[in-house]
Amino acid sequence: MAVLPFRPTPFFANKNQAFWRLQALGWGGALLLRAMSSLANGQPLSFLVLVLIATITGWSISLILSVVYRQLITRRPLITWGVTALVLPLAVFLYAFIDAWVIGLYRPESGASFAQLLIGVFYLDLTLLGAWSALYYAINFYLQVEEQNDQLLRLENQATQAQLAMLRYQLNPHFLFNTLNSISTLVLLKQTEPANAMLTRLSAFLRYTLINEPTGRVTVAQEVETLQLYLGIELMRFEERLRTQFRIDEATKPALLPSLLLQPLVENAIKYAVSPQESGAEITIITQLVGGMLRITVSDTGPGLQNASADNRVSGVSFDGGEPVSTGVGLANIRDRLAQAYGDQHRFETFDPPEGGFTVLIELPFERREAAPISAGVGRAALAVN
């Protein structure tokens, strides 16, 4: 038998409804307690009418107090507690006055004076309204603190999302500049067909960046497909100098990772391994499961870090004619994105493997969802890169 999922609603999700529920519960409990006490003390059943009237009176006065307290609770503490100290005794006196008057009508033969009756019920009414007032302020102050905490969490989340979006948006201008520069060169050389092909691939790649949120996550399969689009563009620039190898474990394809995480890693490899060498370099992308983590390795057969530009490769700064040129992106960008998205639950390392070259290793918590195609346009434009 299928069981429908049950999601409990917080008691104070609807504060107005919660107030009336607590009113009914509290005053109903007071009515029951006083009724049982009266019967235990040998009072006749007709005395329960007085108990009912007293409960209704307390209920009504508490409603008036709730209106007053609602205006006071947002004021400065001096005003809140000062006015409460004046209003509460007046409310208790009114409550006791009505109770004493009703008791006097019920027992006219009693020898007790009105003042004695008033004092006799004053302490009970003070206890009831005092406890009610304390609970009212305690609950509402608690709700205010919870709302402030929720608001703070929302603001922190918005700040994190904004920072993630900023880091992601840094990628597109850098890549776009390089690609448009290559297209401009092809146009100047009157190589219209390669220029048109590169524009088509660039259009498909940018379409992907537009339909995916900057702070969103995609599957490994989608990220690899998009990376192949990017490599298809770069392949037209470097031709046989750019060699790539994908070793994607089938089990990792539905795993989630930040959108466009691999592209700057491969771009870094092209910049520092493929571009400076006449023979080019080979870039290898590997994904695998290690325990409950998704491990991603991007390596190249370039000169690695054993040269003068080691610090620049890691920081994303290159040299052109002896002068440093900031790219605005690089591995530091990826490190910041991972720190924002996963906190301490990730691993990011760069090193030179024994066989040479340069390697970036990333480990993320393995999370998955059903893989879905990126889009028809992107799928058609993706290139199979060996």
Protein backbone atom coordinates (compact mmCIF):
# COMPACT_ATOMS: atom_id res chain seq x y z
CA MET A 1 0.00 0.00 0.00
CA ALA A 2 1.47 3.32 -1.06
CA VAL A 3 1.94 5.87 1.69
CA LEU A 4 1.57 9.51 0.79
CA PRO A 5 4.48 11.67 1.95
CA PHE A 6 3.61 13.68 5.05
CA ARG A 7 5.23 17.04 5.59
CA PRO A 8 4.28 18.54 8.97
CA THR A 9 3.44 22.24 9.02
CA PRO A 10 5.23 24.32 11.67
CA PHE A 11 2.88 25.34 14.48
CA PHE A 12 3.69 29.03 14.03
CA ALA A 13 3.63 28.98 10.22
CA ASN A 14 0.31 30.84 10.53
CA LYS A 15 0.74 33.09 13.57
CA ASN A 16 -2.90 34.22 13.63
CA GLN A 17 -4.15 30.64 13.65
CA ALA A 18 -1.57 29.66 16.28
CA PHE A 19 -2.74 32.53 18.53
CA TRP A 20 -6.36 31.35 18.52
CA ARG A 21 -5.30 27.77 19.14
CA LEU A 22 -3.22 28.78 22.13
CA GLN A 23 -6.06 30.99 23.40
CA ALA A 24 -8.50 28.09 23.27
CA LEU A 25 -6.02 25.69 24.84
CA GLY A 26 -4.95 28.04 27.62
CA TRP A 27 -8.30 29.37 28.71
CA GLY A 28 -9.93 25.99 28.18
CA GLY A 29 -7.36 24.49 30.52
CA ALA A 30 -8.00 27.25 33.08
CA LEU A 31 -11.75 26.61 32.86
CA LEU A 32 -11.29 22.87 33.37
CA LEU A 33 -8.88 23.34 36.27
CA ARG A 34 -11.13 25.82 38.10
CA ALA A 35 -14.21 23.69 37.50
CA MET A 36 -12.55 20.58 38.91
CA SER A 37 -11.23 22.56 41.89
CA SER A 38 -14.72 23.93 42.62
CA LEU A 39 -16.35 20.50 42.51
CA ALA A 40 -13.57 19.03 44.68
CA ASN A 41 -14.25 21.73 47.30
CA GLY A 42 -17.95 20.83 47.46
CA GLN A 43 -19.31 23.73 45.41
CA PRO A 44 -22.73 23.16 43.79
CA LEU A 45 -23.02 22.63 40.04
CA SER A 46 -24.51 26.12 39.70
CA PHE A 47 -21.14 27.51 40.75
CA LEU A 48 -19.75 26.34 37.41
CA VAL A 49 -21.68 29.22 35.85
CA LEU A 50 -19.45 31.65 37.76
CA VAL A 51 -16.38 29.76 36.58
CA LEU A 52 -17.59 29.98 32.97
CA ILE A 53 -18.29 33.73 33.30
CA ALA A 54 -14.85 34.30 34.86
CA THR A 55 -13.17 32.38 32.01
CA ILE A 56 -15.06 34.32 29.34
CA THR A 57 -14.12 37.57 31.09
CA GLY A 58 -10.44 36.59 31.18
CA TRP A 59 -10.57 35.52 27.52
CA SER A 60 -12.08 38.90 26.53
CA ILE A 61 -9.61 40.97 28.55
CA SER A 62 -6.69 38.98 27.13
CA LEU A 63 -7.86 39.84 23.62
CA ILE A 64 -7.75 43.53 24.53
CA LEU A 65 -4.29 43.05 26.01
CA SER A 66 -3.10 41.31 22.83
CA VAL A 67 -4.03 44.39 20.81
CA VAL A 68 -2.11 46.64 23.21
CA TYR A 69 0.90 44.31 23.44
CA ARG A 70 1.07 43.98 19.65
CA GLN A 71 1.67 47.73 19.45
CA LEU A 72 4.18 47.73 22.30
CA ILE A 73 6.35 44.76 21.31
CA THR A 74 8.03 46.62 18.45
CA ARG A 75 8.83 49.72 20.52
CA ARG A 76 11.89 50.49 22.60
CA PRO A 77 12.24 48.31 25.72
CA LEU A 78 11.60 51.26 28.07
CA ILE A 79 8.28 51.99 26.40
CA THR A 80 7.33 48.31 26.09
CA TRP A 81 7.88 47.37 29.71
CA GLY A 82 6.83 50.75 31.12
CA VAL A 83 3.43 50.75 29.43
CA THR A 84 2.97 47.04 30.17
CA ALA A 85 3.59 47.73 33.87
CA LEU A 86 0.74 50.25 33.74
CA VAL A 87 -1.70 48.34 31.55
CA LEU A 88 -1.44 44.92 33.24
CA PRO A 89 -2.52 46.06 36.74
CA LEU A 90 -5.46 47.92 35.23
CA ALA A 91 -6.49 44.79 33.33
CA VAL A 92 -6.16 42.65 36.47
CA PHE A 93 -8.20 45.16 38.49
CA LEU A 94 -10.95 45.12 35.82
CA TYR A 95 -10.92 41.32 35.79
CA ALA A 96 -11.12 41.14 39.60
CA PHE A 97 -13.84 43.79 39.74
CA ILE A 98 -16.07 41.84 37.34
CA ASP A 99 -15.40 38.56 39.18
CA ALA A 100 -16.17 40.11 42.58
CA TRP A 101 -19.34 41.73 41.24
CA VAL A 102 -20.59 38.43 39.75
CA ILE A 103 -19.83 36.54 43.00
CA GLY A 104 -21.67 39.22 44.98
CA LEU A 105 -24.71 38.75 42.77
CA TYR A 106 -24.50 34.96 43.14
CA ARG A 107 -24.20 35.08 46.93
CA PRO A 108 -26.04 38.15 48.21
CA GLU A 109 -26.42 36.54 51.64
CA SER A 110 -22.65 36.33 52.09
CA GLY A 111 -21.32 38.55 54.84
CA ALA A 112 -18.19 39.43 52.85
CA SER A 113 -17.92 42.99 51.59
CA PHE A 114 -17.20 43.87 47.96
CA ALA A 115 -13.66 44.90 48.88
CA GLN A 116 -13.02 41.52 50.49
CA LEU A 117 -14.36 39.72 47.42
CA LEU A 118 -12.21 41.95 45.21
CA ILE A 119 -9.06 41.17 47.15
CA GLY A 120 -9.98 37.47 47.28
CA VAL A 121 -10.09 37.08 43.50
CA PHE A 122 -7.40 39.65 42.71
CA TYR A 123 -4.45 37.29 43.24
CA LEU A 124 -5.98 34.50 41.13
CA ASP A 125 -6.76 36.91 38.30
CA LEU A 126 -3.28 38.43 38.60
CA THR A 127 -1.77 34.95 38.22
CA LEU A 128 -3.86 34.18 35.13
CA LEU A 129 -3.29 37.46 33.28
CA GLY A 130 0.33 37.69 34.43
CA ALA A 131 1.08 34.21 33.10
CA TRP A 132 -0.81 35.00 29.89
CA SER A 133 1.19 38.23 29.38
CA ALA A 134 4.51 36.49 30.06
CA LEU A 135 3.69 33.75 27.54
CA TYR A 136 2.52 36.29 24.97
CA TYR A 137 5.79 38.24 25.13
CA ALA A 138 7.95 35.11 25.35
CA ILE A 139 6.38 33.51 22.28
CA ASN A 140 6.47 36.69 20.22
CA PHE A 141 10.05 37.53 21.15
CA TYR A 142 10.99 33.96 20.23
CA LEU A 143 9.27 34.34 16.86
CA GLN A 144 11.05 37.66 16.27
CA VAL A 145 14.42 36.04 16.95
CA GLU A 146 13.56 33.17 14.60
CA GLU A 147 12.49 35.60 11.87
CA GLN A 148 15.71 37.57 12.27
CA ASN A 149 17.74 34.36 12.05
CA ASP A 150 15.83 33.30 8.94
CA GLN A 151 16.37 36.70 7.40
CA LEU A 152 20.08 36.56 8.23
CA LEU A 153 20.34 33.12 6.62
CA ARG A 154 18.52 34.39 3.53
CA LEU A 155 20.88 37.36 3.29
CA GLU A 156 23.93 35.11 3.70
CA ASN A 157 22.57 32.76 1.04
CA GLN A 158 21.92 35.68 -1.31
CA ALA A 159 25.45 36.97 -0.72
CA THR A 160 26.88 33.51 -1.43
CA GLN A 161 24.77 33.16 -4.58
CA ALA A 162 25.83 36.61 -5.73
CA GLN A 163 29.50 35.78 -5.21
CA LEU A 164 29.12 32.49 -7.06
CA ALA A 165 27.40 34.30 -9.93
CA MET A 166 30.19 36.89 -10.01
CA LEU A 167 32.85 34.17 -10.20
CA ARG A 168 30.98 32.36 -12.97
CA TYR A 169 30.41 35.54 -14.97
CA GLN A 170 34.15 36.18 -14.97
CA LEU A 171 34.65 33.17 -17.24
CA ASN A 172 32.63 34.27 -20.26
CA PRO A 173 34.35 37.61 -21.10
CA HIS A 174 37.80 36.01 -20.96
CA PHE A 175 36.87 33.10 -23.18
CA LEU A 176 34.84 35.35 -25.47
CA PHE A 177 37.79 37.70 -25.94
CA ASN A 178 40.12 34.89 -27.00
CA THR A 179 37.60 33.34 -29.38
CA LEU A 180 36.59 36.61 -31.02
CA ASN A 181 40.25 37.44 -31.47
CA SER A 182 40.74 34.12 -33.30
CA ILE A 183 37.66 34.74 -35.46
CA SER A 184 38.95 38.22 -36.29
CA THR A 185 42.26 36.69 -37.38
CA LEU A 186 40.48 34.16 -39.62
CA VAL A 187 38.41 36.94 -41.19
CA LEU A 188 41.53 39.01 -41.88
CA LEU A 189 43.09 35.96 -43.53
CA LYS A 190 39.86 35.58 -45.57
CA GLN A 191 39.26 32.10 -44.16
CA THR A 192 35.50 32.57 -44.05
CA GLU A 193 34.48 28.93 -43.66
CA PRO A 194 36.59 28.28 -40.50
CA ALA A 195 35.46 31.66 -39.13
CA ASN A 196 31.81 30.78 -39.73
CA ALA A 197 32.26 27.34 -38.15
CA MET A 198 33.89 28.89 -35.10
CA LEU A 199 31.06 31.42 -34.78
CA THR A 200 28.53 28.58 -34.91
CA ARG A 201 30.28 26.69 -32.15
CA LEU A 202 30.68 29.86 -30.11
CA SER A 203 26.96 30.54 -30.46
CA ALA A 204 26.11 27.06 -29.19
CA PHE A 205 28.49 27.42 -26.27
CA LEU A 206 27.12 30.83 -25.24
CA ARG A 207 23.56 29.52 -25.57
CA TYR A 208 24.44 26.94 -22.95
CA THR A 209 25.79 29.60 -20.59
CA LEU A 210 22.58 31.60 -20.98
CA ILE A 211 20.13 28.77 -20.28
CA ASN A 212 21.98 27.66 -17.14
CA GLU A 213 21.93 29.67 -13.94
CA PRO A 214 25.37 30.94 -12.88
CA THR A 215 24.92 29.29 -9.50
CA GLY A 216 23.27 26.16 -10.90
CA ARG A 217 24.66 22.65 -11.07
CA VAL A 218 24.74 20.25 -13.98
CA THR A 219 25.59 16.59 -14.40
CA VAL A 220 29.03 15.38 -15.37
CA ALA A 221 27.59 14.21 -18.70
CA GLN A 222 26.29 17.72 -19.45
CA GLU A 223 29.52 19.36 -18.37
CA VAL A 224 31.57 17.04 -20.58
CA GLU A 225 29.30 17.70 -23.54
CA THR A 226 29.72 21.44 -23.05
CA LEU A 227 33.48 21.01 -22.66
CA GLN A 228 33.56 19.25 -26.00
CA LEU A 229 31.88 22.32 -27.51
CA TYR A 230 34.61 24.51 -26.09
CA LEU A 231 37.34 22.13 -27.29
CA GLY A 232 35.78 22.11 -30.74
CA ILE A 233 36.39 25.85 -30.90
CA GLU A 234 39.93 25.60 -29.60
CA LEU A 235 40.68 22.70 -31.95
CA MET A 236 40.15 25.07 -34.88
CA ARG A 237 42.82 27.34 -33.39
CA PHE A 238 45.47 24.78 -32.49
CA GLU A 239 44.59 21.87 -34.82
CA GLU A 240 46.86 18.84 -34.22
CA ARG A 241 48.74 20.60 -31.42
CA LEU A 242 45.69 20.13 -29.18
CA ARG A 243 45.10 16.50 -28.26
CA THR A 244 42.49 15.47 -25.72
CA GLN A 245 41.49 12.29 -23.96
CA PHE A 246 38.30 11.70 -21.93
CA ARG A 247 38.05 8.89 -19.40
CA ILE A 248 34.59 9.35 -17.91
CA ASP A 249 33.39 6.61 -15.57
CA GLU A 250 29.78 5.70 -16.38
CA ALA A 251 28.89 5.82 -12.68
CA THR A 252 29.93 9.48 -12.52
CA LYS A 253 27.83 10.75 -15.43
CA PRO A 254 24.73 11.60 -13.32
CA ALA A 255 26.86 13.25 -10.60
CA LEU A 256 26.29 16.98 -10.04
CA LEU A 257 28.94 19.69 -10.14
CA PRO A 258 28.94 23.49 -10.58
CA SER A 259 28.20 24.62 -14.11
CA LEU A 260 31.25 25.39 -16.26
CA LEU A 261 33.71 24.06 -13.69
CA LEU A 262 35.91 22.17 -16.17
CA GLN A 263 36.14 24.76 -18.93
CA PRO A 264 38.55 27.12 -17.13
CA LEU A 265 40.68 24.15 -16.08
CA VAL A 266 41.05 23.05 -19.69
CA GLU A 267 41.54 26.66 -20.77
CA ASN A 268 44.37 26.92 -18.25
CA ALA A 269 45.94 23.77 -19.70
CA ILE A 270 45.67 25.11 -23.25
CA LYS A 271 47.22 28.43 -22.25
CA TYR A 272 50.20 27.02 -20.39
CA ALA A 273 50.73 23.60 -22.01
CA VAL A 274 49.45 23.64 -25.59
CA SER A 275 50.08 27.24 -26.65
CA PRO A 276 53.77 27.68 -25.67
CA GLN A 277 54.97 24.37 -27.20
CA GLU A 278 55.38 23.77 -30.91
CA SER A 279 54.42 20.14 -30.47
CA GLY A 280 51.43 21.10 -28.38
CA ALA A 281 50.26 18.92 -25.52
CA GLU A 282 47.71 16.31 -24.56
CA ILE A 283 44.95 17.15 -22.07
CA THR A 284 43.31 14.32 -20.15
CA ILE A 285 40.01 14.61 -18.26
CA ILE A 286 39.20 11.79 -15.82
CA THR A 287 36.19 11.35 -13.56
CA GLN A 288 35.76 8.53 -11.07
CA LEU A 289 34.04 7.64 -7.80
CA VAL A 290 36.22 7.38 -4.70
CA GLY A 291 34.09 6.35 -1.75
CA GLY A 292 31.33 8.90 -1.50
CA MET A 293 33.26 11.53 -3.46
CA LEU A 294 33.38 12.50 -7.11
CA ARG A 295 37.01 12.85 -8.18
CA ILE A 296 37.84 14.95 -11.23
CA THR A 297 41.35 15.07 -12.65
CA VAL A 298 42.46 17.44 -15.41
CA SER A 299 46.08 16.90 -16.47
CA ASP A 300 48.31 17.95 -19.35
CA THR A 301 51.71 17.03 -20.78
CA GLY A 302 53.02 20.58 -20.68
CA PRO A 303 56.05 21.98 -18.83
CA GLY A 304 54.20 21.89 -15.48
CA LEU A 305 55.30 24.15 -12.67
CA GLN A 306 59.05 23.68 -13.14
CA ASN A 307 59.52 27.00 -14.88
CA ALA A 308 59.34 30.75 -14.29
CA SER A 309 55.62 30.98 -14.93
CA ALA A 310 54.63 28.50 -12.20
CA ASP A 311 53.07 31.10 -9.91
CA ASN A 312 51.28 32.73 -12.82
CA ARG A 313 49.71 29.46 -13.92
CA VAL A 314 48.20 28.87 -10.48
CA SER A 315 47.06 32.45 -9.97
CA GLY A 316 45.74 33.02 -13.48
CA VAL A 317 48.28 35.69 -14.52
CA SER A 318 50.25 35.35 -17.72
CA PHE A 319 53.24 37.19 -19.20
CA ASP A 320 53.22 38.80 -22.58
CA GLY A 321 56.49 40.36 -23.63
CA GLY A 322 57.84 40.31 -20.09
CA GLU A 323 54.86 42.19 -18.61
CA PRO A 324 52.23 40.52 -16.41
CA VAL A 325 48.75 40.45 -17.89
CA SER A 326 45.83 39.59 -15.57
CA THR A 327 43.29 37.29 -17.13
CA GLY A 328 40.75 37.80 -14.33
CA VAL A 329 40.19 34.04 -14.16
CA GLY A 330 42.28 30.95 -13.54
CA LEU A 331 42.59 28.30 -10.90
CA ALA A 332 42.07 30.85 -8.11
CA ASN A 333 38.59 31.44 -9.52
CA ILE A 334 37.78 27.72 -9.40
CA ARG A 335 39.14 27.49 -5.85
CA ASP A 336 36.85 30.34 -4.76
CA ARG A 337 33.80 28.81 -6.46
CA LEU A 338 34.36 25.47 -4.76
CA ALA A 339 34.87 27.14 -1.38
CA GLN A 340 31.61 29.05 -1.77
CA ALA A 341 29.64 26.03 -2.97
CA TYR A 342 31.01 23.27 -0.71
CA GLY A 343 32.86 24.91 2.18
CA ASP A 344 35.25 22.39 3.73
CA GLN A 345 33.59 19.42 2.03
CA HIS A 346 35.80 19.44 -1.03
CA ARG A 347 39.39 18.93 -2.11
CA PHE A 348 41.34 21.06 -4.59
CA GLU A 349 45.00 20.33 -5.35
CA THR A 350 47.51 21.21 -8.07
CA PHE A 351 50.77 19.31 -8.52
CA ASP A 352 53.36 18.03 -10.97
CA PRO A 353 52.99 14.26 -11.45
CA PRO A 354 56.22 12.15 -11.60
CA GLU A 355 55.80 11.58 -15.34
CA GLY A 356 55.74 15.36 -15.94
CA GLY A 357 53.11 17.90 -16.88
CA PHE A 358 50.59 19.53 -14.61
CA THR A 359 47.54 18.08 -12.81
CA VAL A 360 44.52 19.57 -11.10
CA LEU A 361 42.64 17.24 -8.75
CA ILE A 362 39.15 18.05 -7.42
CA GLU A 363 36.97 15.96 -5.11
CA LEU A 364 33.34 16.87 -4.45
CA PRO A 365 30.54 15.19 -2.50
CA PHE A 366 28.76 12.76 -4.82
CA GLU A 367 25.22 13.97 -5.49
CA ARG A 368 23.06 12.87 -8.35
CA ARG A 369 19.82 13.34 -10.22
CA GLU A 370 18.39 11.94 -13.43
CA ALA A 371 20.48 13.15 -16.33
CA ALA A 372 18.69 15.33 -18.88
CA PRO A 373 19.90 16.68 -22.22
CA ILE A 374 21.22 20.23 -22.15
CA SER A 375 19.30 21.36 -25.18
CA ALA A 376 18.71 20.29 -28.73
CA GLY A 377 20.96 23.07 -30.03
CA VAL A 378 23.85 22.22 -27.77
CA GLY A 379 23.54 18.52 -28.44
CA ARG A 380 23.66 18.99 -32.18
CA ALA A 381 26.63 21.34 -31.96
CA ALA A 382 28.72 19.20 -29.62
CA LEU A 383 31.80 17.67 -31.19
CA ALA A 384 33.33 14.31 -30.33
CA VAL A 385 36.91 15.13 -29.32
CA ASN A 386 39.32 12.24 -28.94
